[in-house]
Amino acid sequence: MKQITLRDLDESTSRAVRELAEREGISLNKAVLRLLKSATAPRERPGKRIGHALDKYFRQWTRSESKAFRKAVAVFEQIDPEQWR
């Protein structure tokens, strides 16, 4: 691929690239390539990530449904002192 020249790189970005290169023991070129690849990598769709399978159901209950649910599960919030000695 052709070379790319970066102009007007601000000091904080330049410092971050240099720190990455030093920390990883790689060249500045490789550090910039790694950062560009990371920034342009395709993102996973939210529904496909682990731990987010139920996201589409958040905030779907009415206030009365939420209140009924909380009342129904309140018994599970109580601690039995006999079992925690």
PDB file of N, CA and C in Angstrom:
ATOM      1  N   MET A   1       0.837  -1.182   0.000  1.00  0.00           N
ATOM      2  CA  MET A   1       0.000   0.000   0.000  1.00  0.00           C
ATOM      3  C   MET A   1       0.876   1.237   0.000  1.00  0.00           C
ATOM      4  N   LYS A   2       0.318   2.311  -0.460  1.00  0.00           N
ATOM      5  CA  LYS A   2       1.045   3.578  -0.493  1.00  0.00           C
ATOM      6  C   LYS A   2       1.284   4.087   0.918  1.00  0.00           C
ATOM      7  N   GLN A   3       2.223   4.976   1.014  1.00  0.00           N
ATOM      8  CA  GLN A   3       2.504   5.621   2.288  1.00  0.00           C
ATOM      9  C   GLN A   3       1.470   6.708   2.549  1.00  0.00           C
ATOM     10  N   ILE A   4       1.241   6.962   3.815  1.00  0.00           N
ATOM     11  CA  ILE A   4       0.342   8.038   4.225  1.00  0.00           C
ATOM     12  C   ILE A   4       1.129   8.978   5.117  1.00  0.00           C
ATOM     13  N   THR A   5       1.017  10.258   4.867  1.00  0.00           N
ATOM     14  CA  THR A   5       1.680  11.254   5.697  1.00  0.00           C
ATOM     15  C   THR A   5       0.636  11.935   6.565  1.00  0.00           C
ATOM     16  N   LEU A   6       0.907  11.998   7.837  1.00  0.00           N
ATOM     17  CA  LEU A   6      -0.003  12.675   8.760  1.00  0.00           C
ATOM     18  C   LEU A   6       0.536  14.073   9.039  1.00  0.00           C
ATOM     19  N   ARG A   7      -0.341  15.041   8.929  1.00  0.00           N
ATOM     20  CA  ARG A   7       0.049  16.425   9.215  1.00  0.00           C
ATOM     21  C   ARG A   7      -0.794  16.939  10.370  1.00  0.00           C
ATOM     22  N   ASP A   8      -0.250  17.908  11.064  1.00  0.00           N
ATOM     23  CA  ASP A   8      -0.961  18.580  12.162  1.00  0.00           C
ATOM     24  C   ASP A   8      -1.421  17.612  13.252  1.00  0.00           C
ATOM     25  N   LEU A   9      -0.583  16.639  13.549  1.00  0.00           N
ATOM     26  CA  LEU A   9      -0.881  15.701  14.626  1.00  0.00           C
ATOM     27  C   LEU A   9      -0.671  16.428  15.951  1.00  0.00           C
ATOM     28  N   ASP A  10      -1.730  16.480  16.769  1.00  0.00           N
ATOM     29  CA  ASP A  10      -1.607  17.222  18.023  1.00  0.00           C
ATOM     30  C   ASP A  10      -0.692  16.474  18.997  1.00  0.00           C
ATOM     31  N   GLU A  11      -0.192  17.207  19.963  1.00  0.00           N
ATOM     32  CA  GLU A  11       0.815  16.670  20.884  1.00  0.00           C
ATOM     33  C   GLU A  11       0.299  15.490  21.695  1.00  0.00           C
ATOM     34  N   SER A  12      -0.947  15.537  22.159  1.00  0.00           N
ATOM     35  CA  SER A  12      -1.445  14.441  22.997  1.00  0.00           C
ATOM     36  C   SER A  12      -1.579  13.148  22.191  1.00  0.00           C
ATOM     37  N   THR A  13      -1.998  13.241  20.935  1.00  0.00           N
ATOM     38  CA  THR A  13      -2.092  12.049  20.087  1.00  0.00           C
ATOM     39  C   THR A  13      -0.706  11.511  19.781  1.00  0.00           C
ATOM     40  N   SER A  14       0.201  12.403  19.476  1.00  0.00           N
ATOM     41  CA  SER A  14       1.577  12.003  19.205  1.00  0.00           C
ATOM     42  C   SER A  14       2.193  11.305  20.420  1.00  0.00           C
ATOM     43  N   ARG A  15       1.947  11.869  21.584  1.00  0.00           N
ATOM     44  CA  ARG A  15       2.461  11.277  22.825  1.00  0.00           C
ATOM     45  C   ARG A  15       1.856   9.887  23.046  1.00  0.00           C
ATOM     46  N   ALA A  16       0.561   9.740  22.782  1.00  0.00           N
ATOM     47  CA  ALA A  16      -0.099   8.443  22.971  1.00  0.00           C
ATOM     48  C   ALA A  16       0.492   7.381  22.044  1.00  0.00           C
ATOM     49  N   VAL A  17       0.786   7.760  20.808  1.00  0.00           N
ATOM     50  CA  VAL A  17       1.402   6.826  19.853  1.00  0.00           C
ATOM     51  C   VAL A  17       2.797   6.439  20.324  1.00  0.00           C
ATOM     52  N   ARG A  18       3.576   7.430  20.745  1.00  0.00           N
ATOM     53  CA  ARG A  18       4.935   7.136  21.228  1.00  0.00           C
ATOM     54  C   ARG A  18       4.894   6.239  22.472  1.00  0.00           C
ATOM     55  N   GLU A  19       3.968   6.505  23.380  1.00  0.00           N
ATOM     56  CA  GLU A  19       3.866   5.693  24.596  1.00  0.00           C
ATOM     57  C   GLU A  19       3.462   4.260  24.273  1.00  0.00           C
ATOM     58  N   LEU A  20       2.527   4.097  23.334  1.00  0.00           N
ATOM     59  CA  LEU A  20       2.133   2.749  22.922  1.00  0.00           C
ATOM     60  C   LEU A  20       3.321   2.013  22.322  1.00  0.00           C
ATOM     61  N   ALA A  21       4.053   2.679  21.441  1.00  0.00           N
ATOM     62  CA  ALA A  21       5.214   2.060  20.806  1.00  0.00           C
ATOM     63  C   ALA A  21       6.245   1.638  21.839  1.00  0.00           C
ATOM     64  N   GLU A  22       6.496   2.506  22.787  1.00  0.00           N
ATOM     65  CA  GLU A  22       7.488   2.188  23.821  1.00  0.00           C
ATOM     66  C   GLU A  22       6.994   1.057  24.721  1.00  0.00           C
ATOM     67  N   ARG A  23       5.752   1.142  25.145  1.00  0.00           N
ATOM     68  CA  ARG A  23       5.184   0.143  26.051  1.00  0.00           C
ATOM     69  C   ARG A  23       5.167  -1.248  25.410  1.00  0.00           C
ATOM     70  N   GLU A  24       4.862  -1.301  24.115  1.00  0.00           N
ATOM     71  CA  GLU A  24       4.758  -2.585  23.411  1.00  0.00           C
ATOM     72  C   GLU A  24       6.068  -3.017  22.763  1.00  0.00           C
ATOM     73  N   GLY A  25       7.046  -2.116  22.769  1.00  0.00           N
ATOM     74  CA  GLY A  25       8.331  -2.445  22.155  1.00  0.00           C
ATOM     75  C   GLY A  25       8.230  -2.573  20.645  1.00  0.00           C
ATOM     76  N   ILE A  26       7.429  -1.689  20.026  1.00  0.00           N
ATOM     77  CA  ILE A  26       7.237  -1.730  18.571  1.00  0.00           C
ATOM     78  C   ILE A  26       7.579  -0.366  17.979  1.00  0.00           C
ATOM     79  N   SER A  27       7.665  -0.325  16.665  1.00  0.00           N
ATOM     80  CA  SER A  27       7.988   0.939  16.001  1.00  0.00           C
ATOM     81  C   SER A  27       6.786   1.875  16.029  1.00  0.00           C
ATOM     82  N   LEU A  28       7.051   3.160  15.781  1.00  0.00           N
ATOM     83  CA  LEU A  28       5.958   4.129  15.693  1.00  0.00           C
ATOM     84  C   LEU A  28       4.998   3.743  14.579  1.00  0.00           C
ATOM     85  N   ASN A  29       5.548   3.279  13.459  1.00  0.00           N
ATOM     86  CA  ASN A  29       4.709   2.861  12.339  1.00  0.00           C
ATOM     87  C   ASN A  29       3.749   1.746  12.758  1.00  0.00           C
ATOM     88  N   LYS A  30       4.276   0.723  13.444  1.00  0.00           N
ATOM     89  CA  LYS A  30       3.426  -0.378  13.887  1.00  0.00           C
ATOM     90  C   LYS A  30       2.400   0.094  14.910  1.00  0.00           C
ATOM     91  N   ALA A  31       2.785   1.029  15.756  1.00  0.00           N
ATOM     92  CA  ALA A  31       1.841   1.561  16.746  1.00  0.00           C
ATOM     93  C   ALA A  31       0.684   2.277  16.055  1.00  0.00           C
ATOM     94  N   VAL A  32       1.004   3.093  15.049  1.00  0.00           N
ATOM     95  CA  VAL A  32      -0.042   3.800  14.303  1.00  0.00           C
ATOM     96  C   VAL A  32      -0.923   2.802  13.566  1.00  0.00           C
ATOM     97  N   LEU A  33      -0.325   1.793  12.938  1.00  0.00           N
ATOM     98  CA  LEU A  33      -1.109   0.779  12.230  1.00  0.00           C
ATOM     99  C   LEU A  33      -2.046   0.044  13.188  1.00  0.00           C
ATOM    100  N   ARG A  34      -1.549  -0.299  14.371  1.00  0.00           N
ATOM    101  CA  ARG A  34      -2.371  -0.996  15.360  1.00  0.00           C
ATOM    102  C   ARG A  34      -3.554  -0.125  15.796  1.00  0.00           C
ATOM    103  N   LEU A  35      -3.291   1.150  16.031  1.00  0.00           N
ATOM    104  CA  LEU A  35      -4.359   2.059  16.438  1.00  0.00           C
ATOM    105  C   LEU A  35      -5.395   2.259  15.337  1.00  0.00           C
ATOM    106  N   LEU A  36      -4.923   2.406  14.102  1.00  0.00           N
ATOM    107  CA  LEU A  36      -5.849   2.558  12.977  1.00  0.00           C
ATOM    108  C   LEU A  36      -6.701   1.307  12.781  1.00  0.00           C
ATOM    109  N   LYS A  37      -6.069   0.151  12.881  1.00  0.00           N
ATOM    110  CA  LYS A  37      -6.810  -1.094  12.713  1.00  0.00           C
ATOM    111  C   LYS A  37      -7.864  -1.245  13.812  1.00  0.00           C
ATOM    112  N   SER A  38      -7.487  -0.904  15.016  1.00  0.00           N
ATOM    113  CA  SER A  38      -8.427  -0.990  16.137  1.00  0.00           C
ATOM    114  C   SER A  38      -9.605  -0.032  15.952  1.00  0.00           C
ATOM    115  N   ALA A  39      -9.312   1.162  15.469  1.00  0.00           N
ATOM    116  CA  ALA A  39     -10.353   2.178  15.297  1.00  0.00           C
ATOM    117  C   ALA A  39     -11.285   1.875  14.135  1.00  0.00           C
ATOM    118  N   THR A  40     -10.825   1.099  13.167  1.00  0.00           N
ATOM    119  CA  THR A  40     -11.641   0.849  11.980  1.00  0.00           C
ATOM    120  C   THR A  40     -12.186  -0.572  11.922  1.00  0.00           C
ATOM    121  N   ALA A  41     -11.912  -1.376  12.943  1.00  0.00           N
ATOM    122  CA  ALA A  41     -12.404  -2.755  12.956  1.00  0.00           C
ATOM    123  C   ALA A  41     -13.920  -2.768  13.059  1.00  0.00           C
ATOM    124  N   PRO A  42     -14.568  -3.702  12.381  1.00  0.00           N
ATOM    125  CA  PRO A  42     -16.025  -3.792  12.474  1.00  0.00           C
ATOM    126  C   PRO A  42     -16.444  -4.127  13.908  1.00  0.00           C
ATOM    127  N   ARG A  43     -17.498  -3.498  14.341  1.00  0.00           N
ATOM    128  CA  ARG A  43     -18.011  -3.730  15.698  1.00  0.00           C
ATOM    129  C   ARG A  43     -19.071  -4.825  15.653  1.00  0.00           C
ATOM    130  N   GLU A  44     -19.127  -5.608  16.753  1.00  0.00           N
ATOM    131  CA  GLU A  44     -20.175  -6.616  16.848  1.00  0.00           C
ATOM    132  C   GLU A  44     -21.524  -5.946  17.039  1.00  0.00           C
ATOM    133  N   ARG A  45     -22.549  -6.567  16.517  1.00  0.00           N
ATOM    134  CA  ARG A  45     -23.886  -6.037  16.728  1.00  0.00           C
ATOM    135  C   ARG A  45     -24.264  -6.231  18.189  1.00  0.00           C
ATOM    136  N   PRO A  46     -24.913  -5.252  18.828  1.00  0.00           N
ATOM    137  CA  PRO A  46     -25.221  -5.337  20.256  1.00  0.00           C
ATOM    138  C   PRO A  46     -25.949  -6.602  20.670  1.00  0.00           C
ATOM    139  N   GLY A  47     -26.828  -7.115  19.847  1.00  0.00           N
ATOM    140  CA  GLY A  47     -27.582  -8.307  20.208  1.00  0.00           C
ATOM    141  C   GLY A  47     -26.762  -9.570  20.202  1.00  0.00           C
ATOM    142  N   LYS A  48     -25.572  -9.539  19.665  1.00  0.00           N
ATOM    143  CA  LYS A  48     -24.748 -10.728  19.538  1.00  0.00           C
ATOM    144  C   LYS A  48     -23.653 -10.821  20.595  1.00  0.00           C
ATOM    145  N   ARG A  49     -23.535  -9.822  21.457  1.00  0.00           N
ATOM    146  CA  ARG A  49     -22.487  -9.844  22.475  1.00  0.00           C
ATOM    147  C   ARG A  49     -22.925 -10.694  23.665  1.00  0.00           C
ATOM    148  N   ILE A  50     -21.987 -11.324  24.290  1.00  0.00           N
ATOM    149  CA  ILE A  50     -22.274 -12.110  25.484  1.00  0.00           C
ATOM    150  C   ILE A  50     -22.728 -11.171  26.594  1.00  0.00           C
ATOM    151  N   GLY A  51     -23.784 -11.540  27.270  1.00  0.00           N
ATOM    152  CA  GLY A  51     -24.268 -10.750  28.385  1.00  0.00           C
ATOM    153  C   GLY A  51     -25.271  -9.676  28.011  1.00  0.00           C
ATOM    154  N   HIS A  52     -25.658  -9.607  26.747  1.00  0.00           N
ATOM    155  CA  HIS A  52     -26.601  -8.577  26.319  1.00  0.00           C
ATOM    156  C   HIS A  52     -27.829  -9.176  25.632  1.00  0.00           C
ATOM    157  N   ALA A  53     -28.065 -10.458  25.840  1.00  0.00           N
ATOM    158  CA  ALA A  53     -29.155 -11.142  25.158  1.00  0.00           C
ATOM    159  C   ALA A  53     -30.528 -10.597  25.551  1.00  0.00           C
ATOM    160  N   LEU A  54     -30.645 -10.046  26.747  1.00  0.00           N
ATOM    161  CA  LEU A  54     -31.948  -9.566  27.212  1.00  0.00           C
ATOM    162  C   LEU A  54     -32.114  -8.058  27.109  1.00  0.00           C
ATOM    163  N   ASP A  55     -31.157  -7.379  26.510  1.00  0.00           N
ATOM    164  CA  ASP A  55     -31.207  -5.915  26.417  1.00  0.00           C
ATOM    165  C   ASP A  55     -32.490  -5.395  25.785  1.00  0.00           C
ATOM    166  N   LYS A  56     -33.010  -6.122  24.799  1.00  0.00           N
ATOM    167  CA  LYS A  56     -34.208  -5.641  24.105  1.00  0.00           C
ATOM    168  C   LYS A  56     -35.433  -5.612  25.009  1.00  0.00           C
ATOM    169  N   TYR A  57     -35.370  -6.295  26.153  1.00  0.00           N
ATOM    170  CA  TYR A  57     -36.507  -6.313  27.066  1.00  0.00           C
ATOM    171  C   TYR A  57     -36.438  -5.250  28.157  1.00  0.00           C
ATOM    172  N   PHE A  58     -35.350  -4.542  28.272  1.00  0.00           N
ATOM    173  CA  PHE A  58     -35.224  -3.516  29.295  1.00  0.00           C
ATOM    174  C   PHE A  58     -36.270  -2.441  29.091  1.00  0.00           C
ATOM    175  N   ARG A  59     -36.794  -1.966  30.204  1.00  0.00           N
ATOM    176  CA  ARG A  59     -37.769  -0.873  30.206  1.00  0.00           C
ATOM    177  C   ARG A  59     -39.034  -1.192  29.402  1.00  0.00           C
ATOM    178  N   GLN A  60     -39.432  -2.453  29.427  1.00  0.00           N
ATOM    179  CA  GLN A  60     -40.631  -2.855  28.698  1.00  0.00           C
ATOM    180  C   GLN A  60     -41.856  -2.966  29.597  1.00  0.00           C
ATOM    181  N   TRP A  61     -41.665  -3.069  30.907  1.00  0.00           N
ATOM    182  CA  TRP A  61     -42.784  -3.213  31.826  1.00  0.00           C
ATOM    183  C   TRP A  61     -43.406  -1.867  32.143  1.00  0.00           C
ATOM    184  N   THR A  62     -44.700  -1.910  32.428  1.00  0.00           N
ATOM    185  CA  THR A  62     -45.367  -0.713  32.942  1.00  0.00           C
ATOM    186  C   THR A  62     -45.008  -0.589  34.413  1.00  0.00           C
ATOM    187  N   ARG A  63     -45.343   0.532  35.017  1.00  0.00           N
ATOM    188  CA  ARG A  63     -45.059   0.714  36.452  1.00  0.00           C
ATOM    189  C   ARG A  63     -45.794  -0.332  37.285  1.00  0.00           C
ATOM    190  N   SER A  64     -47.026  -0.624  36.941  1.00  0.00           N
ATOM    191  CA  SER A  64     -47.787  -1.600  37.734  1.00  0.00           C
ATOM    192  C   SER A  64     -47.205  -3.006  37.587  1.00  0.00           C
ATOM    193  N   GLU A  65     -46.722  -3.361  36.387  1.00  0.00           N
ATOM    194  CA  GLU A  65     -46.089  -4.667  36.196  1.00  0.00           C
ATOM    195  C   GLU A  65     -44.792  -4.758  36.994  1.00  0.00           C
ATOM    196  N   SER A  66     -44.035  -3.691  36.987  1.00  0.00           N
ATOM    197  CA  SER A  66     -42.790  -3.660  37.744  1.00  0.00           C
ATOM    198  C   SER A  66     -43.059  -3.796  39.242  1.00  0.00           C
ATOM    199  N   LYS A  67     -44.067  -3.075  39.724  1.00  0.00           N
ATOM    200  CA  LYS A  67     -44.419  -3.130  41.150  1.00  0.00           C
ATOM    201  C   LYS A  67     -44.872  -4.540  41.523  1.00  0.00           C
ATOM    202  N   ALA A  68     -45.680  -5.179  40.689  1.00  0.00           N
ATOM    203  CA  ALA A  68     -46.146  -6.542  40.955  1.00  0.00           C
ATOM    204  C   ALA A  68     -44.983  -7.521  40.983  1.00  0.00           C
ATOM    205  N   PHE A  69     -44.043  -7.361  40.074  1.00  0.00           N
ATOM    206  CA  PHE A  69     -42.884  -8.245  40.042  1.00  0.00           C
ATOM    207  C   PHE A  69     -42.046  -8.090  41.307  1.00  0.00           C
ATOM    208  N   ARG A  70     -41.782  -6.847  41.682  1.00  0.00           N
ATOM    209  CA  ARG A  70     -40.974  -6.606  42.888  1.00  0.00           C
ATOM    210  C   ARG A  70     -41.640  -7.188  44.126  1.00  0.00           C
ATOM    211  N   LYS A  71     -42.963  -7.084  44.190  1.00  0.00           N
ATOM    212  CA  LYS A  71     -43.698  -7.648  45.317  1.00  0.00           C
ATOM    213  C   LYS A  71     -43.582  -9.173  45.315  1.00  0.00           C
ATOM    214  N   ALA A  72     -43.662  -9.784  44.135  1.00  0.00           N
ATOM    215  CA  ALA A  72     -43.603 -11.238  44.014  1.00  0.00           C
ATOM    216  C   ALA A  72     -42.241 -11.807  44.397  1.00  0.00           C
ATOM    217  N   VAL A  73     -41.162 -11.060  44.142  1.00  0.00           N
ATOM    218  CA  VAL A  73     -39.828 -11.580  44.440  1.00  0.00           C
ATOM    219  C   VAL A  73     -39.259 -11.049  45.752  1.00  0.00           C
ATOM    220  N   ALA A  74     -40.019 -10.269  46.478  1.00  0.00           N
ATOM    221  CA  ALA A  74     -39.533  -9.696  47.746  1.00  0.00           C
ATOM    222  C   ALA A  74     -39.116 -10.770  48.736  1.00  0.00           C
ATOM    223  N   VAL A  75     -39.795 -11.895  48.715  1.00  0.00           N
ATOM    224  CA  VAL A  75     -39.467 -12.981  49.638  1.00  0.00           C
ATOM    225  C   VAL A  75     -38.032 -13.468  49.441  1.00  0.00           C
ATOM    226  N   PHE A  76     -37.518 -13.355  48.235  1.00  0.00           N
ATOM    227  CA  PHE A  76     -36.153 -13.813  47.945  1.00  0.00           C
ATOM    228  C   PHE A  76     -35.090 -12.839  48.462  1.00  0.00           C
ATOM    229  N   GLU A  77     -35.501 -11.665  48.847  1.00  0.00           N
ATOM    230  CA  GLU A  77     -34.581 -10.656  49.367  1.00  0.00           C
ATOM    231  C   GLU A  77     -34.365 -10.796  50.874  1.00  0.00           C
ATOM    232  N   GLN A  78     -35.184 -11.595  51.512  1.00  0.00           N
ATOM    233  CA  GLN A  78     -35.095 -11.741  52.967  1.00  0.00           C
ATOM    234  C   GLN A  78     -34.064 -12.801  53.340  1.00  0.00           C
ATOM    235  N   ILE A  79     -33.335 -12.516  54.396  1.00  0.00           N
ATOM    236  CA  ILE A  79     -32.290 -13.418  54.867  1.00  0.00           C
ATOM    237  C   ILE A  79     -32.823 -14.215  56.041  1.00  0.00           C
ATOM    238  N   ASP A  80     -32.598 -15.525  55.983  1.00  0.00           N
ATOM    239  CA  ASP A  80     -32.998 -16.409  57.076  1.00  0.00           C
ATOM    240  C   ASP A  80     -31.812 -16.504  58.036  1.00  0.00           C
ATOM    241  N   PRO A  81     -31.939 -15.887  59.233  1.00  0.00           N
ATOM    242  CA  PRO A  81     -30.812 -15.881  60.175  1.00  0.00           C
ATOM    243  C   PRO A  81     -30.353 -17.282  60.582  1.00  0.00           C
ATOM    244  N   GLU A  82     -31.248 -18.255  60.557  1.00  0.00           N
ATOM    245  CA  GLU A  82     -30.884 -19.617  60.936  1.00  0.00           C
ATOM    246  C   GLU A  82     -29.863 -20.222  59.962  1.00  0.00           C
ATOM    247  N   GLN A  83     -29.933 -19.815  58.717  1.00  0.00           N
ATOM    248  CA  GLN A  83     -29.017 -20.374  57.709  1.00  0.00           C
ATOM    249  C   GLN A  83     -27.692 -19.633  57.649  1.00  0.00           C
ATOM    250  N   TRP A  84     -27.571 -18.503  58.357  1.00  0.00           N
ATOM    251  CA  TRP A  84     -26.348 -17.702  58.260  1.00  0.00           C
ATOM    252  C   TRP A  84     -25.599 -17.620  59.582  1.00  0.00           C
ATOM    253  N   ARG A  85     -25.690 -18.635  60.368  1.00  0.00           N
ATOM    254  CA  ARG A  85     -24.937 -18.652  61.625  1.00  0.00           C
ATOM    255  C   ARG A  85     -23.560 -19.147  61.429  1.00  0.00           C
TER     256      ARG A  85
END
